[in-house]
Amino acid sequence: MVREYAAGALGPYADDPAVDQALTTVLRSDEEPLVRDNALAAVEEAGPSDARTDVLRALIQDPGPGRAAARILTAWGRNPDTPAPSPLSLSGY
């Protein structure tokens, strides 16, 4: 539960590279769905950036957060159908 709240509280700090990296890692690989959901809410709160857009596009095919990622991209005016960069280019976060 602490990890869920911590992930959700990171939105205002998402421009910090360490926070951005933590959110990206959680979104891409955390096994706890509620932690991932709260990290996704933090990314949504942080607002659009090229890096966050790329991460959300990479999540679209994920059965867990995929729909929410597409909804956020649409709300940001970003096309959710644009392919995500290759996984190697996401590793620079």
C-alpha atoms as a PDB file:
ATOM      1  CA  MET A   1       0.000   0.000   0.000  1.00  0.00           C
ATOM      2  CA  VAL A   2       2.890   2.361   0.719  1.00  0.00           C
ATOM      3  CA  ARG A   3       4.262   1.790  -2.784  1.00  0.00           C
ATOM      4  CA  GLU A   4       0.826   2.547  -4.258  1.00  0.00           C
ATOM      5  CA  TYR A   5       0.617   5.889  -2.491  1.00  0.00           C
ATOM      6  CA  ALA A   6       4.237   6.724  -3.236  1.00  0.00           C
ATOM      7  CA  ALA A   7       3.773   6.081  -6.963  1.00  0.00           C
ATOM      8  CA  GLY A   8       0.641   8.203  -7.038  1.00  0.00           C
ATOM      9  CA  ALA A   9       2.310  11.108  -5.261  1.00  0.00           C
ATOM     10  CA  LEU A  10       5.125  11.515  -7.797  1.00  0.00           C
ATOM     11  CA  GLY A  11       3.201  13.470 -10.451  1.00  0.00           C
ATOM     12  CA  PRO A  12       4.335  16.955  -9.382  1.00  0.00           C
ATOM     13  CA  TYR A  13       7.957  15.794  -9.411  1.00  0.00           C
ATOM     14  CA  ALA A  14       7.938  13.950 -12.757  1.00  0.00           C
ATOM     15  CA  ASP A  15      10.244  16.477 -14.425  1.00  0.00           C
ATOM     16  CA  ASP A  16      13.051  15.326 -12.126  1.00  0.00           C
ATOM     17  CA  PRO A  17      15.016  12.707 -14.107  1.00  0.00           C
ATOM     18  CA  ALA A  18      15.180  10.295 -11.152  1.00  0.00           C
ATOM     19  CA  VAL A  19      11.422  10.488 -10.620  1.00  0.00           C
ATOM     20  CA  ASP A  20      10.785  10.111 -14.346  1.00  0.00           C
ATOM     21  CA  GLN A  21      12.990   7.008 -14.365  1.00  0.00           C
ATOM     22  CA  ALA A  22      11.185   5.552 -11.347  1.00  0.00           C
ATOM     23  CA  LEU A  23       7.765   6.093 -12.930  1.00  0.00           C
ATOM     24  CA  THR A  24       8.925   4.599 -16.222  1.00  0.00           C
ATOM     25  CA  THR A  25      10.322   1.532 -14.471  1.00  0.00           C
ATOM     26  CA  VAL A  26       7.125   1.005 -12.489  1.00  0.00           C
ATOM     27  CA  LEU A  27       4.929   1.431 -15.557  1.00  0.00           C
ATOM     28  CA  ARG A  28       6.955  -0.966 -17.639  1.00  0.00           C
ATOM     29  CA  SER A  29       7.662  -3.739 -15.170  1.00  0.00           C
ATOM     30  CA  ASP A  30       6.007  -3.579 -11.749  1.00  0.00           C
ATOM     31  CA  GLU A  31       3.968  -6.697 -11.039  1.00  0.00           C
ATOM     32  CA  GLU A  32       1.496  -4.950  -8.719  1.00  0.00           C
ATOM     33  CA  PRO A  33      -1.415  -3.548 -10.773  1.00  0.00           C
ATOM     34  CA  LEU A  34      -2.365  -0.894  -8.200  1.00  0.00           C
ATOM     35  CA  VAL A  35       1.199   0.441  -8.101  1.00  0.00           C
ATOM     36  CA  ARG A  36       1.178   0.667 -11.901  1.00  0.00           C
ATOM     37  CA  ASP A  37      -2.249   2.344 -11.865  1.00  0.00           C
ATOM     38  CA  ASN A  38      -1.054   4.974  -9.418  1.00  0.00           C
ATOM     39  CA  ALA A  39       2.121   5.566 -11.422  1.00  0.00           C
ATOM     40  CA  LEU A  40      -0.062   6.043 -14.492  1.00  0.00           C
ATOM     41  CA  ALA A  41      -2.165   8.586 -12.589  1.00  0.00           C
ATOM     42  CA  ALA A  42       1.033  10.413 -11.621  1.00  0.00           C
ATOM     43  CA  VAL A  43       2.147  10.534 -15.260  1.00  0.00           C
ATOM     44  CA  GLU A  44      -1.261  11.858 -16.266  1.00  0.00           C
ATOM     45  CA  GLU A  45      -1.055  14.522 -13.549  1.00  0.00           C
ATOM     46  CA  ALA A  46       2.454  15.490 -14.685  1.00  0.00           C
ATOM     47  CA  GLY A  47       1.163  16.271 -18.157  1.00  0.00           C
ATOM     48  CA  PRO A  48       2.525  15.699 -21.613  1.00  0.00           C
ATOM     49  CA  SER A  49       6.167  15.533 -22.527  1.00  0.00           C
ATOM     50  CA  ASP A  50       7.898  13.677 -25.323  1.00  0.00           C
ATOM     51  CA  ALA A  51       9.314  11.109 -22.891  1.00  0.00           C
ATOM     52  CA  ARG A  52       5.993  10.493 -21.133  1.00  0.00           C
ATOM     53  CA  THR A  53       4.229  10.243 -24.497  1.00  0.00           C
ATOM     54  CA  ASP A  54       6.719   7.587 -25.613  1.00  0.00           C
ATOM     55  CA  VAL A  55       6.207   5.583 -22.423  1.00  0.00           C
ATOM     56  CA  LEU A  56       2.429   5.721 -22.761  1.00  0.00           C
ATOM     57  CA  ARG A  57       2.620   4.657 -26.397  1.00  0.00           C
ATOM     58  CA  ALA A  58       4.756   1.693 -25.344  1.00  0.00           C
ATOM     59  CA  LEU A  59       2.048   0.714 -22.839  1.00  0.00           C
ATOM     60  CA  ILE A  60      -0.840   0.709 -25.324  1.00  0.00           C
ATOM     61  CA  GLN A  61      -0.428  -3.006 -26.108  1.00  0.00           C
ATOM     62  CA  ASP A  62      -0.279  -3.928 -22.402  1.00  0.00           C
ATOM     63  CA  PRO A  63      -3.613  -5.428 -21.328  1.00  0.00           C
ATOM     64  CA  GLY A  64      -3.385  -3.761 -17.917  1.00  0.00           C
ATOM     65  CA  PRO A  65      -2.770  -0.053 -18.451  1.00  0.00           C
ATOM     66  CA  GLY A  66      -3.181   0.006 -22.235  1.00  0.00           C
ATOM     67  CA  ARG A  67      -6.653   1.533 -22.365  1.00  0.00           C
ATOM     68  CA  ALA A  68      -5.809   4.169 -19.775  1.00  0.00           C
ATOM     69  CA  ALA A  69      -2.598   5.021 -21.640  1.00  0.00           C
ATOM     70  CA  ALA A  70      -4.574   5.515 -24.872  1.00  0.00           C
ATOM     71  CA  ARG A  71      -7.139   7.668 -23.051  1.00  0.00           C
ATOM     72  CA  ILE A  72      -4.411   9.871 -21.557  1.00  0.00           C
ATOM     73  CA  LEU A  73      -2.670  10.296 -24.903  1.00  0.00           C
ATOM     74  CA  THR A  74      -5.952  11.300 -26.504  1.00  0.00           C
ATOM     75  CA  ALA A  75      -6.669  13.788 -23.716  1.00  0.00           C
ATOM     76  CA  TRP A  76      -3.212  15.266 -24.263  1.00  0.00           C
ATOM     77  CA  GLY A  77      -3.907  15.648 -27.978  1.00  0.00           C
ATOM     78  CA  ARG A  78      -1.348  12.980 -28.841  1.00  0.00           C
ATOM     79  CA  ASN A  79      -2.220  10.253 -31.308  1.00  0.00           C
ATOM     80  CA  PRO A  80      -2.298   6.919 -29.460  1.00  0.00           C
ATOM     81  CA  ASP A  81      -1.977   5.063 -32.782  1.00  0.00           C
ATOM     82  CA  THR A  82       1.527   6.403 -33.421  1.00  0.00           C
ATOM     83  CA  PRO A  83       3.994   3.569 -32.810  1.00  0.00           C
ATOM     84  CA  ALA A  84       6.160   3.720 -29.721  1.00  0.00           C
ATOM     85  CA  PRO A  85       9.902   4.011 -30.165  1.00  0.00           C
ATOM     86  CA  SER A  86      11.871   0.798 -29.949  1.00  0.00           C
ATOM     87  CA  PRO A  87      12.527  -0.497 -26.407  1.00  0.00           C
ATOM     88  CA  LEU A  88      16.181   0.483 -26.731  1.00  0.00           C
ATOM     89  CA  SER A  89      15.280   4.140 -27.134  1.00  0.00           C
ATOM     90  CA  LEU A  90      13.097   3.950 -24.020  1.00  0.00           C
ATOM     91  CA  SER A  91      16.049   2.729 -21.965  1.00  0.00           C
ATOM     92  CA  GLY A  92      17.501   6.239 -21.829  1.00  0.00           C
ATOM     93  CA  TYR A  93      15.109   7.336 -19.080  1.00  0.00           C
END
